[in-house]
Amino acid sequence: MSDELVFEMGQFAARFPTDRSYAKNHMWAQAFEEGWRFGFSAYAVRLLQDVYFLDWTVDPGTQLTERQLIGSIESEKAESDLFAPIAGQLAEFNQALLSDPSSINIDTYNQGWLFHMQGGGETLLSPAEYLEHLTASWAIAERTIKGQINE
């Protein structure tokens, strides 16, 4: 990718295309039809490592509030709930990921998209703002990764 920003995560460089927006919950958002297509940022994929299971608890057509629980994910490193990055209507899920979520790991910014929502996206961050968000929270994330959260 030629137009990207890079965030250094220790020995790993997480790359972020500048042709899209980002949510604080580490999802990318790309304008799509009358809304946004969402997927995990390289930062999230690096922390999760090898996603192997997705489960959605809402159906397409559901009106969502920002931060509403929409499903869960399991990976080599974590099990986590997934939350709506914006308020809006859930249009569709990437059905291919339900049987084989490996595209999340392999093609994060293209075939690894998670879902499409219709909504304004007013709370989304620019790539530069997302990089600032990562910089501000990295020290805590790094201690958590290393099991040193209480130090």
C-alpha atoms as a PDB file:
ATOM      1  CA  MET A   1       0.000   0.000   0.000  1.00  0.00           C
ATOM      2  CA  SER A   2       1.417   3.339  -0.929  1.00  0.00           C
ATOM      3  CA  ASP A   3      -0.773   5.668   1.131  1.00  0.00           C
ATOM      4  CA  GLU A   4      -0.551   4.352   4.659  1.00  0.00           C
ATOM      5  CA  LEU A   5       0.437   5.227   8.187  1.00  0.00           C
ATOM      6  CA  VAL A   6       2.484   2.909  10.377  1.00  0.00           C
ATOM      7  CA  PHE A   7       2.267   2.248  14.108  1.00  0.00           C
ATOM      8  CA  GLU A   8       5.153   0.355  15.670  1.00  0.00           C
ATOM      9  CA  MET A   9       3.957  -2.370  18.043  1.00  0.00           C
ATOM     10  CA  GLY A  10       7.286  -3.499  19.424  1.00  0.00           C
ATOM     11  CA  GLN A  11       8.832  -5.571  16.634  1.00  0.00           C
ATOM     12  CA  PHE A  12       5.663  -5.475  14.511  1.00  0.00           C
ATOM     13  CA  ALA A  13       4.624  -2.606  12.251  1.00  0.00           C
ATOM     14  CA  ALA A  14       0.842  -2.205  11.978  1.00  0.00           C
ATOM     15  CA  ARG A  15      -0.028  -0.511   8.683  1.00  0.00           C
ATOM     16  CA  PHE A  16      -3.145   1.607   8.180  1.00  0.00           C
ATOM     17  CA  PRO A  17      -4.448   2.671   4.771  1.00  0.00           C
ATOM     18  CA  THR A  18      -5.285   6.368   4.645  1.00  0.00           C
ATOM     19  CA  ASP A  19      -8.257   5.844   2.301  1.00  0.00           C
ATOM     20  CA  ARG A  20     -10.592   4.986   5.169  1.00  0.00           C
ATOM     21  CA  SER A  21     -11.632   5.997   8.679  1.00  0.00           C
ATOM     22  CA  TYR A  22     -11.149   4.130  11.947  1.00  0.00           C
ATOM     23  CA  ALA A  23     -13.144   3.457  15.109  1.00  0.00           C
ATOM     24  CA  LYS A  24     -11.758   3.507  18.633  1.00  0.00           C
ATOM     25  CA  ASN A  25     -12.636  -0.184  18.934  1.00  0.00           C
ATOM     26  CA  HIS A  26      -9.919  -0.917  16.330  1.00  0.00           C
ATOM     27  CA  MET A  27     -12.060  -1.358  13.259  1.00  0.00           C
ATOM     28  CA  TRP A  28     -11.483   0.269   9.901  1.00  0.00           C
ATOM     29  CA  ALA A  29     -14.407   1.881   8.108  1.00  0.00           C
ATOM     30  CA  GLN A  30     -14.578   2.397   4.367  1.00  0.00           C
ATOM     31  CA  ALA A  31     -17.397   4.294   2.676  1.00  0.00           C
ATOM     32  CA  PHE A  32     -19.620   1.694   1.016  1.00  0.00           C
ATOM     33  CA  GLU A  33     -22.992   2.171  -0.653  1.00  0.00           C
ATOM     34  CA  GLU A  34     -25.089   4.246   1.791  1.00  0.00           C
ATOM     35  CA  GLY A  35     -22.892   3.626   4.801  1.00  0.00           C
ATOM     36  CA  TRP A  36     -19.699   1.911   5.846  1.00  0.00           C
ATOM     37  CA  ARG A  37     -17.979  -1.423   5.469  1.00  0.00           C
ATOM     38  CA  PHE A  38     -16.083  -2.419   8.646  1.00  0.00           C
ATOM     39  CA  GLY A  39     -13.209  -4.749   9.412  1.00  0.00           C
ATOM     40  CA  PHE A  40     -10.475  -5.146  12.020  1.00  0.00           C
ATOM     41  CA  SER A  41      -7.476  -2.843  11.819  1.00  0.00           C
ATOM     42  CA  ALA A  42      -3.994  -4.343  11.537  1.00  0.00           C
ATOM     43  CA  TYR A  43      -3.508  -3.388  15.198  1.00  0.00           C
ATOM     44  CA  ALA A  44      -6.471  -5.545  16.258  1.00  0.00           C
ATOM     45  CA  VAL A  45      -5.434  -8.443  14.018  1.00  0.00           C
ATOM     46  CA  ARG A  46      -1.931  -8.385  15.475  1.00  0.00           C
ATOM     47  CA  LEU A  47      -3.265  -8.466  19.046  1.00  0.00           C
ATOM     48  CA  LEU A  48      -5.808 -11.200  18.277  1.00  0.00           C
ATOM     49  CA  GLN A  49      -3.578 -13.383  16.092  1.00  0.00           C
ATOM     50  CA  ASP A  50      -5.178 -16.118  14.010  1.00  0.00           C
ATOM     51  CA  VAL A  51      -8.899 -15.472  14.250  1.00  0.00           C
ATOM     52  CA  TYR A  52     -10.701 -18.796  14.010  1.00  0.00           C
ATOM     53  CA  PHE A  53     -14.319 -18.183  15.069  1.00  0.00           C
ATOM     54  CA  LEU A  54     -16.919 -15.426  14.677  1.00  0.00           C
ATOM     55  CA  ASP A  55     -20.436 -15.390  16.081  1.00  0.00           C
ATOM     56  CA  TRP A  56     -23.018 -12.675  15.448  1.00  0.00           C
ATOM     57  CA  THR A  57     -25.829 -12.127  17.964  1.00  0.00           C
ATOM     58  CA  VAL A  58     -27.836  -9.651  15.863  1.00  0.00           C
ATOM     59  CA  ASP A  59     -29.439  -9.997  12.437  1.00  0.00           C
ATOM     60  CA  PRO A  60     -29.142  -7.835   9.333  1.00  0.00           C
ATOM     61  CA  GLY A  61     -31.739  -5.079   9.445  1.00  0.00           C
ATOM     62  CA  THR A  62     -31.221  -4.472  13.164  1.00  0.00           C
ATOM     63  CA  GLN A  63     -30.960  -0.848  14.252  1.00  0.00           C
ATOM     64  CA  LEU A  64     -27.852  -0.574  16.466  1.00  0.00           C
ATOM     65  CA  THR A  65     -26.563   1.957  18.945  1.00  0.00           C
ATOM     66  CA  GLU A  66     -22.866   2.731  19.095  1.00  0.00           C
ATOM     67  CA  ARG A  67     -21.094   0.214  21.374  1.00  0.00           C
ATOM     68  CA  GLN A  68     -24.034  -2.227  21.277  1.00  0.00           C
ATOM     69  CA  LEU A  69     -23.017  -5.874  21.583  1.00  0.00           C
ATOM     70  CA  ILE A  70     -23.216  -7.504  18.144  1.00  0.00           C
ATOM     71  CA  GLY A  71     -21.252 -10.725  18.526  1.00  0.00           C
ATOM     72  CA  SER A  72     -18.067 -12.379  19.666  1.00  0.00           C
ATOM     73  CA  ILE A  73     -14.736 -13.517  18.303  1.00  0.00           C
ATOM     74  CA  GLU A  74     -12.263 -16.216  19.244  1.00  0.00           C
ATOM     75  CA  SER A  75      -8.632 -16.233  18.246  1.00  0.00           C
ATOM     76  CA  GLU A  76      -5.334 -17.726  19.253  1.00  0.00           C
ATOM     77  CA  LYS A  77      -4.806 -14.986  21.853  1.00  0.00           C
ATOM     78  CA  ALA A  78      -8.267 -13.893  22.988  1.00  0.00           C
ATOM     79  CA  GLU A  79     -11.992 -14.371  23.249  1.00  0.00           C
ATOM     80  CA  SER A  80     -13.806 -11.086  23.052  1.00  0.00           C
ATOM     81  CA  ASP A  81     -17.184  -9.484  22.578  1.00  0.00           C
ATOM     82  CA  LEU A  82     -17.687  -7.345  19.482  1.00  0.00           C
ATOM     83  CA  PHE A  83     -19.470  -4.008  19.594  1.00  0.00           C
ATOM     84  CA  ALA A  84     -20.999  -1.760  16.949  1.00  0.00           C
ATOM     85  CA  PRO A  85     -18.482   0.956  16.028  1.00  0.00           C
ATOM     86  CA  ILE A  86     -21.226   3.459  15.104  1.00  0.00           C
ATOM     87  CA  ALA A  87     -24.978   3.878  15.452  1.00  0.00           C
ATOM     88  CA  GLY A  88     -26.935   2.750  12.413  1.00  0.00           C
ATOM     89  CA  GLN A  89     -28.630  -0.153  10.710  1.00  0.00           C
ATOM     90  CA  LEU A  90     -26.745  -3.382  10.173  1.00  0.00           C
ATOM     91  CA  ALA A  91     -27.030  -4.137   6.460  1.00  0.00           C
ATOM     92  CA  GLU A  92     -25.071  -7.386   6.031  1.00  0.00           C
ATOM     93  CA  PHE A  93     -22.361  -9.651   7.373  1.00  0.00           C
ATOM     94  CA  ASN A  94     -19.503 -11.056   5.323  1.00  0.00           C
ATOM     95  CA  GLN A  95     -20.976 -14.552   5.136  1.00  0.00           C
ATOM     96  CA  ALA A  96     -17.725 -16.064   3.855  1.00  0.00           C
ATOM     97  CA  LEU A  97     -16.100 -15.366   7.230  1.00  0.00           C
ATOM     98  CA  LEU A  98     -18.595 -17.493   9.148  1.00  0.00           C
ATOM     99  CA  SER A  99     -17.263 -20.713   7.663  1.00  0.00           C
ATOM    100  CA  ASP A 100     -13.666 -19.540   7.207  1.00  0.00           C
ATOM    101  CA  PRO A 101     -12.545 -16.391   9.047  1.00  0.00           C
ATOM    102  CA  SER A 102      -8.952 -16.731   7.800  1.00  0.00           C
ATOM    103  CA  SER A 103      -9.427 -13.751   5.443  1.00  0.00           C
ATOM    104  CA  ILE A 104      -9.345 -11.556   8.541  1.00  0.00           C
ATOM    105  CA  ASN A 105      -5.756 -12.668   9.107  1.00  0.00           C
ATOM    106  CA  ILE A 106      -4.655 -12.791   5.468  1.00  0.00           C
ATOM    107  CA  ASP A 107      -6.465  -9.911   3.726  1.00  0.00           C
ATOM    108  CA  THR A 108      -7.431  -7.602   6.593  1.00  0.00           C
ATOM    109  CA  TYR A 109      -8.306  -4.540   4.522  1.00  0.00           C
ATOM    110  CA  ASN A 110     -10.157  -6.240   1.663  1.00  0.00           C
ATOM    111  CA  GLN A 111     -11.691  -9.734   1.784  1.00  0.00           C
ATOM    112  CA  GLY A 112     -11.465  -9.722   5.600  1.00  0.00           C
ATOM    113  CA  TRP A 113     -14.258  -7.151   6.006  1.00  0.00           C
ATOM    114  CA  LEU A 114     -16.726  -8.031   8.773  1.00  0.00           C
ATOM    115  CA  PHE A 115     -19.998  -6.214   8.116  1.00  0.00           C
ATOM    116  CA  HIS A 116     -21.709  -3.323   6.356  1.00  0.00           C
ATOM    117  CA  MET A 117     -23.723  -0.720   8.280  1.00  0.00           C
ATOM    118  CA  GLN A 118     -25.814   2.218   7.184  1.00  0.00           C
ATOM    119  CA  GLY A 119     -25.124   5.218   9.378  1.00  0.00           C
ATOM    120  CA  GLY A 120     -23.424   8.576   9.535  1.00  0.00           C
ATOM    121  CA  GLY A 121     -20.114   7.676  11.081  1.00  0.00           C
ATOM    122  CA  GLU A 122     -19.705  11.008  12.875  1.00  0.00           C
ATOM    123  CA  THR A 123     -17.632   9.406  15.645  1.00  0.00           C
ATOM    124  CA  LEU A 124     -15.114   7.758  13.311  1.00  0.00           C
ATOM    125  CA  LEU A 125     -11.495   8.907  13.399  1.00  0.00           C
ATOM    126  CA  SER A 126      -9.251   9.987  10.559  1.00  0.00           C
ATOM    127  CA  PRO A 127      -6.139   7.826  10.066  1.00  0.00           C
ATOM    128  CA  ALA A 128      -4.022  10.457  11.841  1.00  0.00           C
ATOM    129  CA  GLU A 129      -6.485  10.629  14.766  1.00  0.00           C
ATOM    130  CA  TYR A 130      -6.475   6.831  15.014  1.00  0.00           C
ATOM    131  CA  LEU A 131      -2.682   6.819  15.129  1.00  0.00           C
ATOM    132  CA  GLU A 132      -2.845   9.373  17.982  1.00  0.00           C
ATOM    133  CA  HIS A 133      -5.387   7.147  19.766  1.00  0.00           C
ATOM    134  CA  LEU A 134      -3.041   4.146  19.468  1.00  0.00           C
ATOM    135  CA  THR A 135      -0.057   6.147  20.676  1.00  0.00           C
ATOM    136  CA  ALA A 136      -1.990   7.356  23.720  1.00  0.00           C
ATOM    137  CA  SER A 137      -3.146   3.855  24.702  1.00  0.00           C
ATOM    138  CA  TRP A 138      -0.157   1.719  23.656  1.00  0.00           C
ATOM    139  CA  ALA A 139       1.639   1.747  27.029  1.00  0.00           C
ATOM    140  CA  ILE A 140      -1.402   0.190  28.727  1.00  0.00           C
ATOM    141  CA  ALA A 141      -1.926  -2.315  25.907  1.00  0.00           C
ATOM    142  CA  GLU A 142       1.728  -3.330  25.968  1.00  0.00           C
ATOM    143  CA  ARG A 143       1.656  -3.940  29.734  1.00  0.00           C
ATOM    144  CA  THR A 144      -1.541  -5.966  29.329  1.00  0.00           C
ATOM    145  CA  ILE A 145       0.056  -8.099  26.615  1.00  0.00           C
ATOM    146  CA  LYS A 146       3.046  -8.762  28.817  1.00  0.00           C
ATOM    147  CA  GLY A 147       0.860  -9.551  31.839  1.00  0.00           C
ATOM    148  CA  GLN A 148       2.089  -6.533  33.764  1.00  0.00           C
ATOM    149  CA  ILE A 149      -1.175  -4.608  34.037  1.00  0.00           C
ATOM    150  CA  ASN A 150      -0.931  -4.165  37.821  1.00  0.00           C
ATOM    151  CA  GLU A 151       2.594  -2.797  37.784  1.00  0.00           C
END
